[in-house]
PDB file of N, CA and C in Angstrom:
ATOM      1  N   MET A   1      -9.210 -14.784  -7.739  1.00  0.00           N
ATOM      2  CA  MET A   1      -8.722 -14.184  -8.973  1.00  0.00           C
ATOM      3  C   MET A   1      -7.875 -12.945  -8.644  1.00  0.00           C
ATOM      4  N   ASN A   2      -6.771 -12.800  -9.321  1.00  0.00           N
ATOM      5  CA  ASN A   2      -5.877 -11.679  -9.045  1.00  0.00           C
ATOM      6  C   ASN A   2      -6.097 -10.528 -10.017  1.00  0.00           C
ATOM      7  N   THR A   3      -5.683  -9.361  -9.593  1.00  0.00           N
ATOM      8  CA  THR A   3      -5.773  -8.167 -10.422  1.00  0.00           C
ATOM      9  C   THR A   3      -4.483  -7.374 -10.279  1.00  0.00           C
ATOM     10  N   GLU A   4      -4.158  -6.600 -11.294  1.00  0.00           N
ATOM     11  CA  GLU A   4      -2.936  -5.789 -11.277  1.00  0.00           C
ATOM     12  C   GLU A   4      -3.259  -4.390 -10.770  1.00  0.00           C
ATOM     13  N   VAL A   5      -2.557  -3.963  -9.728  1.00  0.00           N
ATOM     14  CA  VAL A   5      -2.731  -2.607  -9.219  1.00  0.00           C
ATOM     15  C   VAL A   5      -1.384  -1.889  -9.251  1.00  0.00           C
ATOM     16  N   VAL A   6      -1.453  -0.576  -9.327  1.00  0.00           N
ATOM     17  CA  VAL A   6      -0.245   0.251  -9.329  1.00  0.00           C
ATOM     18  C   VAL A   6      -0.055   0.795  -7.920  1.00  0.00           C
ATOM     19  N   VAL A   7       1.096   0.513  -7.339  1.00  0.00           N
ATOM     20  CA  VAL A   7       1.392   0.986  -5.992  1.00  0.00           C
ATOM     21  C   VAL A   7       2.324   2.188  -6.107  1.00  0.00           C
ATOM     22  N   LEU A   8       1.923   3.285  -5.492  1.00  0.00           N
ATOM     23  CA  LEU A   8       2.733   4.502  -5.481  1.00  0.00           C
ATOM     24  C   LEU A   8       3.284   4.696  -4.072  1.00  0.00           C
ATOM     25  N   TYR A   9       4.588   4.883  -3.982  1.00  0.00           N
ATOM     26  CA  TYR A   9       5.233   5.080  -2.685  1.00  0.00           C
ATOM     27  C   TYR A   9       5.612   6.542  -2.534  1.00  0.00           C
ATOM     28  N   PHE A  10       5.290   7.116  -1.379  1.00  0.00           N
ATOM     29  CA  PHE A  10       5.581   8.520  -1.137  1.00  0.00           C
ATOM     30  C   PHE A  10       6.541   8.684   0.032  1.00  0.00           C
ATOM     31  N   ALA A  11       7.335   9.744  -0.046  1.00  0.00           N
ATOM     32  CA  ALA A  11       8.211  10.179   1.048  1.00  0.00           C
ATOM     33  C   ALA A  11       9.020   9.021   1.618  1.00  0.00           C
ATOM     34  N   LYS A  12       8.889   8.809   2.921  1.00  0.00           N
ATOM     35  CA  LYS A  12       9.709   7.816   3.617  1.00  0.00           C
ATOM     36  C   LYS A  12       9.509   6.416   3.042  1.00  0.00           C
ATOM     37  N   SER A  13       8.291   6.087   2.643  1.00  0.00           N
ATOM     38  CA  SER A  13       8.053   4.745   2.102  1.00  0.00           C
ATOM     39  C   SER A  13       8.818   4.531   0.797  1.00  0.00           C
ATOM     40  N   ALA A  14       8.960   5.584  -0.009  1.00  0.00           N
ATOM     41  CA  ALA A  14       9.727   5.475  -1.260  1.00  0.00           C
ATOM     42  C   ALA A  14      11.210   5.288  -0.954  1.00  0.00           C
ATOM     43  N   GLU A  15      11.691   6.005   0.070  1.00  0.00           N
ATOM     44  CA  GLU A  15      13.098   5.842   0.470  1.00  0.00           C
ATOM     45  C   GLU A  15      13.355   4.415   0.937  1.00  0.00           C
ATOM     46  N   ILE A  16      12.470   3.926   1.791  1.00  0.00           N
ATOM     47  CA  ILE A  16      12.660   2.600   2.383  1.00  0.00           C
ATOM     48  C   ILE A  16      12.551   1.505   1.322  1.00  0.00           C
ATOM     49  N   ALA A  17      11.535   1.582   0.482  1.00  0.00           N
ATOM     50  CA  ALA A  17      11.321   0.544  -0.534  1.00  0.00           C
ATOM     51  C   ALA A  17      12.278   0.708  -1.709  1.00  0.00           C
ATOM     52  N   ASP A  18      12.873   1.888  -1.813  1.00  0.00           N
ATOM     53  CA  ASP A  18      13.784   2.218  -2.906  1.00  0.00           C
ATOM     54  C   ASP A  18      13.098   2.098  -4.269  1.00  0.00           C
ATOM     55  N   VAL A  19      11.825   2.470  -4.275  1.00  0.00           N
ATOM     56  CA  VAL A  19      11.054   2.472  -5.517  1.00  0.00           C
ATOM     57  C   VAL A  19       9.927   3.494  -5.354  1.00  0.00           C
ATOM     58  N   ARG A  20       9.573   4.172  -6.441  1.00  0.00           N
ATOM     59  CA  ARG A  20       8.497   5.169  -6.365  1.00  0.00           C
ATOM     60  C   ARG A  20       7.151   4.585  -6.779  1.00  0.00           C
ATOM     61  N   SER A  21       7.190   3.626  -7.683  1.00  0.00           N
ATOM     62  CA  SER A  21       5.944   2.969  -8.074  1.00  0.00           C
ATOM     63  C   SER A  21       6.263   1.602  -8.653  1.00  0.00           C
ATOM     64  N   GLU A  22       5.285   0.723  -8.581  1.00  0.00           N
ATOM     65  CA  GLU A  22       5.423  -0.615  -9.159  1.00  0.00           C
ATOM     66  C   GLU A  22       4.028  -1.177  -9.368  1.00  0.00           C
ATOM     67  N   THR A  23       3.950  -2.129 -10.270  1.00  0.00           N
ATOM     68  CA  THR A  23       2.687  -2.818 -10.512  1.00  0.00           C
ATOM     69  C   THR A  23       2.791  -4.194  -9.882  1.00  0.00           C
ATOM     70  N   ILE A  24       1.793  -4.529  -9.069  1.00  0.00           N
ATOM     71  CA  ILE A  24       1.799  -5.836  -8.417  1.00  0.00           C
ATOM     72  C   ILE A  24       0.471  -6.541  -8.674  1.00  0.00           C
ATOM     73  N   SER A  25       0.487  -7.841  -8.500  1.00  0.00           N
ATOM     74  CA  SER A  25      -0.706  -8.650  -8.682  1.00  0.00           C
ATOM     75  C   SER A  25      -1.190  -9.096  -7.304  1.00  0.00           C
ATOM     76  N   VAL A  26      -2.447  -8.767  -6.981  1.00  0.00           N
ATOM     77  CA  VAL A  26      -3.033  -9.126  -5.689  1.00  0.00           C
ATOM     78  C   VAL A  26      -4.453  -9.636  -5.908  1.00  0.00           C
ATOM     79  N   PRO A  27      -5.013 -10.334  -4.911  1.00  0.00           N
ATOM     80  CA  PRO A  27      -6.405 -10.775  -5.055  1.00  0.00           C
ATOM     81  C   PRO A  27      -7.336  -9.573  -5.210  1.00  0.00           C
ATOM     82  N   GLN A  28      -8.403  -9.756  -6.001  1.00  0.00           N
ATOM     83  CA  GLN A  28      -9.370  -8.669  -6.193  1.00  0.00           C
ATOM     84  C   GLN A  28     -10.040  -8.299  -4.877  1.00  0.00           C
ATOM     85  N   GLU A  29     -10.323  -9.303  -4.061  1.00  0.00           N
ATOM     86  CA  GLU A  29     -10.930  -9.073  -2.741  1.00  0.00           C
ATOM     87  C   GLU A  29      -9.828  -9.296  -1.717  1.00  0.00           C
ATOM     88  N   ILE A  30      -9.461  -8.236  -1.010  1.00  0.00           N
ATOM     89  CA  ILE A  30      -8.352  -8.324  -0.057  1.00  0.00           C
ATOM     90  C   ILE A  30      -8.595  -7.281   1.025  1.00  0.00           C
ATOM     91  N   THR A  31      -8.227  -7.602   2.270  1.00  0.00           N
ATOM     92  CA  THR A  31      -8.377  -6.588   3.312  1.00  0.00           C
ATOM     93  C   THR A  31      -7.196  -5.614   3.208  1.00  0.00           C
ATOM     94  N   SER A  32      -7.388  -4.445   3.784  1.00  0.00           N
ATOM     95  CA  SER A  32      -6.309  -3.455   3.738  1.00  0.00           C
ATOM     96  C   SER A  32      -5.077  -3.975   4.457  1.00  0.00           C
ATOM     97  N   LEU A  33      -5.270  -4.754   5.519  1.00  0.00           N
ATOM     98  CA  LEU A  33      -4.129  -5.315   6.248  1.00  0.00           C
ATOM     99  C   LEU A  33      -3.401  -6.361   5.401  1.00  0.00           C
ATOM    100  N   GLN A  34      -4.156  -7.188   4.675  1.00  0.00           N
ATOM    101  CA  GLN A  34      -3.526  -8.171   3.789  1.00  0.00           C
ATOM    102  C   GLN A  34      -2.754  -7.470   2.662  1.00  0.00           C
ATOM    103  N   LEU A  35      -3.313  -6.385   2.163  1.00  0.00           N
ATOM    104  CA  LEU A  35      -2.640  -5.624   1.117  1.00  0.00           C
ATOM    105  C   LEU A  35      -1.318  -5.061   1.643  1.00  0.00           C
ATOM    106  N   TRP A  36      -1.361  -4.504   2.846  1.00  0.00           N
ATOM    107  CA  TRP A  36      -0.128  -3.999   3.472  1.00  0.00           C
ATOM    108  C   TRP A  36       0.886  -5.130   3.615  1.00  0.00           C
ATOM    109  N   GLN A  37       0.412  -6.316   4.041  1.00  0.00           N
ATOM    110  CA  GLN A  37       1.324  -7.451   4.225  1.00  0.00           C
ATOM    111  C   GLN A  37       1.969  -7.853   2.895  1.00  0.00           C
ATOM    112  N   GLU A  38       1.208  -7.772   1.803  1.00  0.00           N
ATOM    113  CA  GLU A  38       1.776  -8.054   0.472  1.00  0.00           C
ATOM    114  C   GLU A  38       2.934  -7.098   0.174  1.00  0.00           C
ATOM    115  N   LEU A  39       2.745  -5.827   0.528  1.00  0.00           N
ATOM    116  CA  LEU A  39       3.785  -4.830   0.268  1.00  0.00           C
ATOM    117  C   LEU A  39       5.012  -5.083   1.144  1.00  0.00           C
ATOM    118  N   VAL A  40       4.774  -5.460   2.402  1.00  0.00           N
ATOM    119  CA  VAL A  40       5.887  -5.752   3.313  1.00  0.00           C
ATOM    120  C   VAL A  40       6.629  -7.011   2.850  1.00  0.00           C
ATOM    121  N   ASN A  41       5.903  -7.979   2.298  1.00  0.00           N
ATOM    122  CA  ASN A  41       6.560  -9.179   1.774  1.00  0.00           C
ATOM    123  C   ASN A  41       7.528  -8.816   0.648  1.00  0.00           C
ATOM    124  N   ARG A  42       7.148  -7.825  -0.160  1.00  0.00           N
ATOM    125  CA  ARG A  42       8.007  -7.387  -1.264  1.00  0.00           C
ATOM    126  C   ARG A  42       9.156  -6.523  -0.764  1.00  0.00           C
ATOM    127  N   HIS A  43       8.879  -5.718   0.237  1.00  0.00           N
ATOM    128  CA  HIS A  43       9.866  -4.761   0.774  1.00  0.00           C
ATOM    129  C   HIS A  43       9.844  -4.863   2.304  1.00  0.00           C
ATOM    130  N   PRO A  44      10.517  -5.877   2.866  1.00  0.00           N
ATOM    131  CA  PRO A  44      10.429  -6.134   4.311  1.00  0.00           C
ATOM    132  C   PRO A  44      10.754  -4.922   5.185  1.00  0.00           C
ATOM    133  N   SER A  45      11.609  -4.039   4.713  1.00  0.00           N
ATOM    134  CA  SER A  45      11.979  -2.886   5.535  1.00  0.00           C
ATOM    135  C   SER A  45      10.809  -1.920   5.742  1.00  0.00           C
ATOM    136  N   LEU A  46       9.736  -2.043   4.944  1.00  0.00           N
ATOM    137  CA  LEU A  46       8.559  -1.190   5.136  1.00  0.00           C
ATOM    138  C   LEU A  46       7.871  -1.465   6.471  1.00  0.00           C
ATOM    139  N   SER A  47       8.145  -2.614   7.064  1.00  0.00           N
ATOM    140  CA  SER A  47       7.449  -2.985   8.301  1.00  0.00           C
ATOM    141  C   SER A  47       7.643  -1.955   9.412  1.00  0.00           C
ATOM    142  N   VAL A  48       8.708  -1.159   9.357  1.00  0.00           N
ATOM    143  CA  VAL A  48       8.918  -0.141  10.397  1.00  0.00           C
ATOM    144  C   VAL A  48       7.820   0.928  10.374  1.00  0.00           C
ATOM    145  N   LEU A  49       7.107   1.056   9.266  1.00  0.00           N
ATOM    146  CA  LEU A  49       6.049   2.068   9.149  1.00  0.00           C
ATOM    147  C   LEU A  49       4.679   1.540   9.581  1.00  0.00           C
ATOM    148  N   ARG A  50       4.613   0.277   9.954  1.00  0.00           N
ATOM    149  CA  ARG A  50       3.339  -0.417  10.187  1.00  0.00           C
ATOM    150  C   ARG A  50       2.326   0.379  11.012  1.00  0.00           C
ATOM    151  N   ASP A  51       2.753   0.975  12.110  1.00  0.00           N
ATOM    152  CA  ASP A  51       1.798   1.632  13.002  1.00  0.00           C
ATOM    153  C   ASP A  51       1.461   3.055  12.592  1.00  0.00           C
ATOM    154  N   GLN A  52       2.091   3.548  11.539  1.00  0.00           N
ATOM    155  CA  GLN A  52       1.900   4.945  11.175  1.00  0.00           C
ATOM    156  C   GLN A  52       1.386   5.134   9.761  1.00  0.00           C
ATOM    157  N   VAL A  53       1.543   4.126   8.934  1.00  0.00           N
ATOM    158  CA  VAL A  53       1.259   4.278   7.517  1.00  0.00           C
ATOM    159  C   VAL A  53      -0.249   4.312   7.241  1.00  0.00           C
ATOM    160  N   VAL A  54      -0.610   5.017   6.187  1.00  0.00           N
ATOM    161  CA  VAL A  54      -1.991   5.029   5.696  1.00  0.00           C
ATOM    162  C   VAL A  54      -1.940   4.629   4.226  1.00  0.00           C
ATOM    163  N   LEU A  55      -2.895   3.832   3.818  1.00  0.00           N
ATOM    164  CA  LEU A  55      -3.017   3.492   2.396  1.00  0.00           C
ATOM    165  C   LEU A  55      -4.142   4.334   1.803  1.00  0.00           C
ATOM    166  N   ALA A  56      -4.000   4.664   0.539  1.00  0.00           N
ATOM    167  CA  ALA A  56      -5.089   5.317  -0.182  1.00  0.00           C
ATOM    168  C   ALA A  56      -5.369   4.469  -1.416  1.00  0.00           C
ATOM    169  N   VAL A  57      -6.611   4.068  -1.560  1.00  0.00           N
ATOM    170  CA  VAL A  57      -7.026   3.260  -2.709  1.00  0.00           C
ATOM    171  C   VAL A  57      -7.978   4.113  -3.530  1.00  0.00           C
ATOM    172  N   ARG A  58      -7.644   4.316  -4.786  1.00  0.00           N
ATOM    173  CA  ARG A  58      -8.416   5.216  -5.657  1.00  0.00           C
ATOM    174  C   ARG A  58      -8.607   6.574  -4.974  1.00  0.00           C
ATOM    175  N   GLN A  59      -7.543   7.060  -4.363  1.00  0.00           N
ATOM    176  CA  GLN A  59      -7.476   8.378  -3.733  1.00  0.00           C
ATOM    177  C   GLN A  59      -8.390   8.520  -2.522  1.00  0.00           C
ATOM    178  N   GLU A  60      -8.750   7.394  -1.899  1.00  0.00           N
ATOM    179  CA  GLU A  60      -9.509   7.434  -0.647  1.00  0.00           C
ATOM    180  C   GLU A  60      -8.699   6.740   0.433  1.00  0.00           C
ATOM    181  N   TYR A  61      -8.558   7.419   1.578  1.00  0.00           N
ATOM    182  CA  TYR A  61      -7.772   6.848   2.665  1.00  0.00           C
ATOM    183  C   TYR A  61      -8.423   5.590   3.215  1.00  0.00           C
ATOM    184  N   VAL A  62      -7.561   4.623   3.541  1.00  0.00           N
ATOM    185  CA  VAL A  62      -8.007   3.350   4.089  1.00  0.00           C
ATOM    186  C   VAL A  62      -7.107   3.018   5.274  1.00  0.00           C
ATOM    187  N   ALA A  63      -7.696   2.807   6.442  1.00  0.00           N
ATOM    188  CA  ALA A  63      -6.916   2.393   7.605  1.00  0.00           C
ATOM    189  C   ALA A  63      -6.555   0.916   7.456  1.00  0.00           C
ATOM    190  N   LEU A  64      -5.424   0.524   8.032  1.00  0.00           N
ATOM    191  CA  LEU A  64      -5.052  -0.888   8.006  1.00  0.00           C
ATOM    192  C   LEU A  64      -5.982  -1.649   8.935  1.00  0.00           C
ATOM    193  N   GLY A  65      -6.554  -2.726   8.423  1.00  0.00           N
ATOM    194  CA  GLY A  65      -7.465  -3.509   9.244  1.00  0.00           C
ATOM    195  C   GLY A  65      -8.218  -4.517   8.410  1.00  0.00           C
ATOM    196  N   GLU A  66      -9.394  -4.864   8.883  1.00  0.00           N
ATOM    197  CA  GLU A  66     -10.174  -5.923   8.242  1.00  0.00           C
ATOM    198  C   GLU A  66     -11.108  -5.408   7.161  1.00  0.00           C
ATOM    199  N   GLN A  67     -11.027  -4.111   6.846  1.00  0.00           N
ATOM    200  CA  GLN A  67     -11.884  -3.552   5.804  1.00  0.00           C
ATOM    201  C   GLN A  67     -11.584  -4.246   4.472  1.00  0.00           C
ATOM    202  N   LEU A  68     -12.617  -4.799   3.841  1.00  0.00           N
ATOM    203  CA  LEU A  68     -12.436  -5.513   2.584  1.00  0.00           C
ATOM    204  C   LEU A  68     -12.409  -4.533   1.422  1.00  0.00           C
ATOM    205  N   LEU A  69     -11.385  -4.648   0.612  1.00  0.00           N
ATOM    206  CA  LEU A  69     -11.248  -3.797  -0.570  1.00  0.00           C
ATOM    207  C   LEU A  69     -11.607  -4.614  -1.802  1.00  0.00           C
ATOM    208  N   SER A  70     -12.305  -4.002  -2.732  1.00  0.00           N
ATOM    209  CA  SER A  70     -12.564  -4.631  -4.034  1.00  0.00           C
ATOM    210  C   SER A  70     -11.722  -3.884  -5.048  1.00  0.00           C
ATOM    211  N   LEU A  71     -10.645  -4.507  -5.468  1.00  0.00           N
ATOM    212  CA  LEU A  71      -9.699  -3.851  -6.359  1.00  0.00           C
ATOM    213  C   LEU A  71     -10.006  -4.179  -7.811  1.00  0.00           C
ATOM    214  N   GLN A  72      -9.829  -3.198  -8.655  1.00  0.00           N
ATOM    215  CA  GLN A  72      -9.987  -3.373 -10.093  1.00  0.00           C
ATOM    216  C   GLN A  72      -8.616  -3.242 -10.742  1.00  0.00           C
ATOM    217  N   SER A  73      -8.443  -3.875 -11.867  1.00  0.00           N
ATOM    218  CA  SER A  73      -7.183  -3.775 -12.587  1.00  0.00           C
ATOM    219  C   SER A  73      -6.875  -2.312 -12.891  1.00  0.00           C
ATOM    220  N   GLY A  74      -5.658  -1.888 -12.586  1.00  0.00           N
ATOM    221  CA  GLY A  74      -5.253  -0.522 -12.858  1.00  0.00           C
ATOM    222  C   GLY A  74      -5.501   0.445 -11.709  1.00  0.00           C
ATOM    223  N   ASP A  75      -6.145  -0.030 -10.630  1.00  0.00           N
ATOM    224  CA  ASP A  75      -6.353   0.842  -9.474  1.00  0.00           C
ATOM    225  C   ASP A  75      -5.019   1.323  -8.920  1.00  0.00           C
ATOM    226  N   GLU A  76      -5.024   2.529  -8.386  1.00  0.00           N
ATOM    227  CA  GLU A  76      -3.837   3.071  -7.730  1.00  0.00           C
ATOM    228  C   GLU A  76      -3.964   2.891  -6.223  1.00  0.00           C
ATOM    229  N   VAL A  77      -2.895   2.371  -5.643  1.00  0.00           N
ATOM    230  CA  VAL A  77      -2.787   2.236  -4.198  1.00  0.00           C
ATOM    231  C   VAL A  77      -1.599   3.086  -3.779  1.00  0.00           C
ATOM    232  N   ALA A  78      -1.842   4.084  -2.938  1.00  0.00           N
ATOM    233  CA  ALA A  78      -0.763   4.947  -2.479  1.00  0.00           C
ATOM    234  C   ALA A  78      -0.362   4.554  -1.064  1.00  0.00           C
ATOM    235  N   VAL A  79       0.945   4.499  -0.821  1.00  0.00           N
ATOM    236  CA  VAL A  79       1.475   4.219   0.509  1.00  0.00           C
ATOM    237  C   VAL A  79       1.944   5.554   1.070  1.00  0.00           C
ATOM    238  N   ILE A  80       1.231   6.024   2.101  1.00  0.00           N
ATOM    239  CA  ILE A  80       1.483   7.354   2.621  1.00  0.00           C
ATOM    240  C   ILE A  80       1.995   7.239   4.058  1.00  0.00           C
ATOM    241  N   PRO A  81       3.287   7.484   4.243  1.00  0.00           N
ATOM    242  CA  PRO A  81       3.858   7.386   5.576  1.00  0.00           C
ATOM    243  C   PRO A  81       3.502   8.650   6.379  1.00  0.00           C
ATOM    244  N   PRO A  82       3.799   8.627   7.664  1.00  0.00           N
ATOM    245  CA  PRO A  82       3.517   9.839   8.458  1.00  0.00           C
ATOM    246  C   PRO A  82       4.308  11.008   7.915  1.00  0.00           C
ATOM    247  N   LEU A  83       3.687  12.153   7.922  1.00  0.00           N
ATOM    248  CA  LEU A  83       4.390  13.351   7.464  1.00  0.00           C
ATOM    249  C   LEU A  83       5.200  13.890   8.628  1.00  0.00           C
ATOM    250  N   SER A  84       6.424  14.245   8.378  1.00  0.00           N
ATOM    251  CA  SER A  84       7.261  14.757   9.466  1.00  0.00           C
ATOM    252  C   SER A  84       6.822  16.175   9.801  1.00  0.00           C
ATOM    253  N   GLY A  85       6.850  16.484  11.081  1.00  0.00           N
ATOM    254  CA  GLY A  85       6.442  17.809  11.532  1.00  0.00           C
ATOM    255  C   GLY A  85       7.438  18.870  11.087  1.00  0.00           C
ATOM    256  N   GLY A  86       6.994  20.124  11.033  1.00  0.00           N
ATOM    257  CA  GLY A  86       7.875  21.142  10.503  1.00  0.00           C
ATOM    258  C   GLY A  86       8.174  22.182  11.442  1.00  0.00           C
TER     259      GLY A  86
END
């Protein structure tokens, strides 16, 4: 069963995807890596961030991997690229 989540893109990820936020439909049970792959399928150029990006689901950081996420309709998923040093 799928659920609608709001994806927020920050900094470099927003530049690359050319969008700041969007609503997408994904399975309710999905690993963080599968979720990332869904985003890359929509915006292939995001793949350059693969080794550096962090996702935040309901404002909690999630590493890319096999961690199973239980998503609810309306959940926020933030795509947080590496912060550039200053």
